[in-house]
Each structure stands twice: as C-alpha cells, then as structure tokens.
Amino acid sequence: MTPAVNIAKKAKIPYTLHSYTHDPASASYGEEASEKLGIASDRVFKTLVAQIDSRELVVAVIPVSSMLSMKQIAKAAGGKKAEMAKGTDVERSSGYILGGVSPLGQKKRLRTFIDASAQDFPTIYVSAGRRGLEIELAPNDLKMVCSAEFYDLRG
C-alpha cells in the first residue's frame, strides 16, 4: 500500500479506498477522479504545494473545482507572497509523483492547510498516493492526521 494509506491505518481512522483506471491523456487528475468515481468535484480535493516567500513549502488541499488563491495561502502561512512550487521540489519533498500527491504520508512533513469548504461534507476524497487511487475520509480526521488547519484558500 501507499504511505498515505499506511498513515490512515496507523492512525486508526475510518477510510475507504476508491480506485479507477487513470488515463495518461487526462489533463486534470482531480477532475478525472471526480468524473470516473461519479463524485461532485467540490467533494474531491487536490493536493497542491506552494512556496511561501521563496522559502518554505506548504501544502494546500482544495476542491478540484476551485483555484488556489496565492494571496490566501500566503496569508494562511503567515507570509507575504506565495507561488506554486516547482514539480521537482514537490516530488522530492512529498515522495509522490505529480498527479498522485497525497496530503497524507509525505516524506517531508510540511505545514498543511485544508480549504474550509471541506467541513461542509461528512467525508472528502483526496489522493491516496498514486494516480487512480483516492482515499475517502472525514475532513476532521484528515486535519488531525496532517496537523492541518482549515482556512479559506480559494480565489
């Protein structure tokens, strides 16, 4: 299993795995998961990594139907400016490949912020650590396991 699933097991939180056949031609991993699993795109969350003030990497978990606000993630992290992290930096710090980055079980633990809209649902879906595999869990369980904070991150 992936490090993400192992973390959920170790924490003894309830979760459900959902898999689908990933299409390499898919332009959006999150939208693909939403479509193939038949789940509303505001309930499927993507894991993005941003760089704050050209120094610190942080994780943002937002609905696939939304855009990450650089202003909001900078504010959440207590910085002035944010930009998307380079793909190579994301893969190196997380241990996952792009399109399969999970907020759970990252190689290097980064400060994590979950969009506040996650609290509107009993469960949400995030990557389970590889393309074509999603883990469904309660937003508060994700918050606890990742030592995350809820924050309005959308633009």
Protein backbone atom coordinates (compact mmCIF):
# COMPACT_ATOMS: atom_id res chain seq x y z
CA MET A 1 0.00 0.00 0.00
CA THR A 2 0.99 3.65 -0.29
CA PRO A 3 2.44 5.72 2.58
CA ALA A 4 -0.87 7.64 2.66
CA VAL A 5 -2.91 4.50 3.30
CA ASN A 6 -0.38 3.26 5.86
CA ILE A 7 -0.70 6.55 7.78
CA ALA A 8 -4.52 6.27 7.83
CA LYS A 9 -4.27 2.66 9.04
CA LYS A 10 -1.73 3.53 11.73
CA ALA A 11 -3.90 6.42 12.97
CA LYS A 12 -6.88 4.02 13.11
CA ILE A 13 -9.17 6.46 11.32
CA PRO A 14 -12.07 5.22 9.20
CA TYR A 15 -11.43 5.47 5.47
CA THR A 16 -12.48 3.94 2.17
CA LEU A 17 -10.26 3.45 -0.87
CA HIS A 18 -11.62 4.11 -4.35
CA SER A 19 -9.67 3.17 -7.45
CA TYR A 20 -10.15 3.87 -11.13
CA THR A 21 -8.11 3.38 -14.28
CA HIS A 22 -6.05 6.52 -14.81
CA ASP A 23 -5.97 7.84 -18.38
CA PRO A 24 -2.46 9.21 -19.16
CA ALA A 25 -4.08 11.67 -21.60
CA SER A 26 -6.15 13.26 -18.82
CA ALA A 27 -5.41 16.97 -18.40
CA SER A 28 -6.66 17.23 -14.81
CA TYR A 29 -6.05 14.42 -12.33
CA GLY A 30 -8.64 15.72 -9.87
CA GLU A 31 -11.36 16.25 -12.47
CA GLU A 32 -10.64 12.77 -13.81
CA ALA A 33 -11.11 11.28 -10.32
CA SER A 34 -14.37 13.20 -9.90
CA GLU A 35 -15.74 12.01 -13.26
CA LYS A 36 -14.61 8.38 -13.05
CA LEU A 37 -15.82 7.92 -9.47
CA GLY A 38 -19.05 9.86 -10.06
CA ILE A 39 -18.43 12.30 -7.20
CA ALA A 40 -19.15 16.03 -7.24
CA SER A 41 -15.95 17.98 -7.96
CA ASP A 42 -16.39 20.15 -4.86
CA ARG A 43 -16.01 17.00 -2.72
CA VAL A 44 -12.84 15.74 -4.42
CA PHE A 45 -9.80 17.66 -3.17
CA LYS A 46 -6.47 18.15 -4.89
CA THR A 47 -3.18 18.46 -3.05
CA LEU A 48 -1.08 21.42 -4.14
CA VAL A 49 2.28 22.60 -2.83
CA ALA A 50 3.09 26.30 -2.69
CA GLN A 51 6.27 28.12 -1.79
CA ILE A 52 5.90 30.95 0.71
CA ASP A 53 8.21 33.98 0.47
CA SER A 54 10.62 31.97 -1.76
CA ARG A 55 11.50 29.76 1.25
CA GLU A 56 9.01 27.45 2.92
CA LEU A 57 6.95 24.80 1.12
CA VAL A 58 3.37 24.34 2.38
CA VAL A 59 0.53 22.03 1.35
CA ALA A 60 -2.87 23.33 0.24
CA VAL A 61 -5.79 20.90 -0.04
CA ILE A 62 -8.60 22.42 -2.12
CA PRO A 63 -11.61 21.24 -4.16
CA VAL A 64 -10.68 20.24 -7.72
CA SER A 65 -13.42 22.62 -8.87
CA SER A 66 -11.53 25.60 -7.37
CA MET A 67 -8.39 27.62 -7.93
CA LEU A 68 -5.89 28.16 -5.12
CA SER A 69 -5.59 31.82 -4.15
CA MET A 70 -1.90 32.68 -3.75
CA LYS A 71 -2.92 35.60 -1.54
CA GLN A 72 -4.94 33.30 0.77
CA ILE A 73 -2.29 30.57 1.10
CA ALA A 74 0.38 33.21 1.84
CA LYS A 75 -1.91 34.72 4.49
CA ALA A 76 -2.68 31.29 5.98
CA ALA A 77 1.05 30.55 6.26
CA GLY A 78 1.86 33.96 7.70
CA GLY A 79 3.82 35.08 4.65
CA LYS A 80 3.68 37.93 2.21
CA LYS A 81 3.90 36.14 -1.15
CA ALA A 82 3.18 32.65 -2.47
CA GLU A 83 3.79 30.84 -5.75
CA MET A 84 3.30 27.29 -6.89
CA ALA A 85 6.28 25.08 -6.01
CA LYS A 86 8.30 23.53 -8.83
CA GLY A 87 7.23 19.99 -9.71
CA THR A 88 10.69 18.60 -8.90
CA ASP A 89 10.56 20.20 -5.43
CA VAL A 90 7.08 18.78 -4.85
CA GLU A 91 8.15 15.25 -5.80
CA ARG A 92 11.34 15.47 -3.74
CA SER A 93 9.65 16.74 -0.57
CA SER A 94 6.49 14.60 -0.81
CA GLY A 95 7.92 11.35 -2.15
CA TYR A 96 4.96 11.17 -4.56
CA ILE A 97 4.73 11.77 -8.32
CA LEU A 98 2.66 14.67 -9.64
CA GLY A 99 -0.97 13.65 -10.03
CA GLY A 100 -0.60 11.25 -7.10
CA VAL A 101 0.48 13.65 -4.35
CA SER A 102 -1.41 12.96 -1.15
CA PRO A 103 -1.57 15.22 1.88
CA LEU A 104 -1.06 12.03 3.93
CA GLY A 105 2.28 10.27 4.37
CA GLN A 106 4.53 12.81 2.71
CA LYS A 107 8.24 12.11 3.03
CA LYS A 108 8.89 15.58 4.49
CA ARG A 109 6.12 16.83 6.76
CA LEU A 110 5.00 20.26 5.60
CA ARG A 111 2.55 22.66 7.19
CA THR A 112 -0.83 21.80 5.70
CA PHE A 113 -3.92 23.93 5.09
CA ILE A 114 -7.28 22.43 4.08
CA ASP A 115 -9.88 24.63 2.41
CA ALA A 116 -12.64 25.42 4.90
CA SER A 117 -15.28 24.09 2.46
CA ALA A 118 -14.16 20.55 3.39
CA GLN A 119 -16.10 20.99 6.62
CA ASP A 120 -19.34 21.09 4.59
CA PHE A 121 -19.10 17.35 3.89
CA PRO A 122 -19.15 14.24 6.12
CA THR A 123 -16.29 12.84 4.01
CA ILE A 124 -13.99 14.14 1.28
CA TYR A 125 -11.76 12.43 -1.25
CA VAL A 126 -8.01 13.08 -1.59
CA SER A 127 -5.29 11.26 -3.45
CA ALA A 128 -4.20 8.08 -1.70
CA GLY A 129 -0.68 8.45 -3.06
CA ARG A 130 -0.86 7.33 -6.66
CA ARG A 131 -2.72 8.20 -9.82
CA GLY A 132 -6.04 6.38 -9.93
CA LEU A 133 -6.38 5.86 -6.17
CA GLU A 134 -8.42 8.09 -3.87
CA ILE A 135 -8.96 7.84 -0.12
CA GLU A 136 -12.29 8.94 1.35
CA LEU A 137 -12.16 10.18 4.94
CA ALA A 138 -13.70 12.70 7.31
CA PRO A 139 -12.25 16.22 6.98
CA ASN A 140 -11.52 16.39 10.72
CA ASP A 141 -9.60 13.10 10.54
CA LEU A 142 -7.50 14.48 7.68
CA LYS A 143 -6.91 17.65 9.71
CA MET A 144 -5.81 15.63 12.73
CA VAL A 145 -3.52 13.23 10.87
CA CYS A 146 -1.84 16.05 8.91
CA SER A 147 -1.76 18.50 11.86
CA ALA A 148 -3.52 20.82 9.42
CA GLU A 149 -5.61 23.96 9.75
CA PHE A 150 -8.85 24.83 7.98
CA TYR A 151 -8.62 28.09 6.03
CA ASP A 152 -10.43 29.72 3.10
CA LEU A 153 -7.92 29.07 0.32
CA ARG A 154 -9.98 29.65 -2.80
CA GLY A 155 -9.63 32.61 -5.13
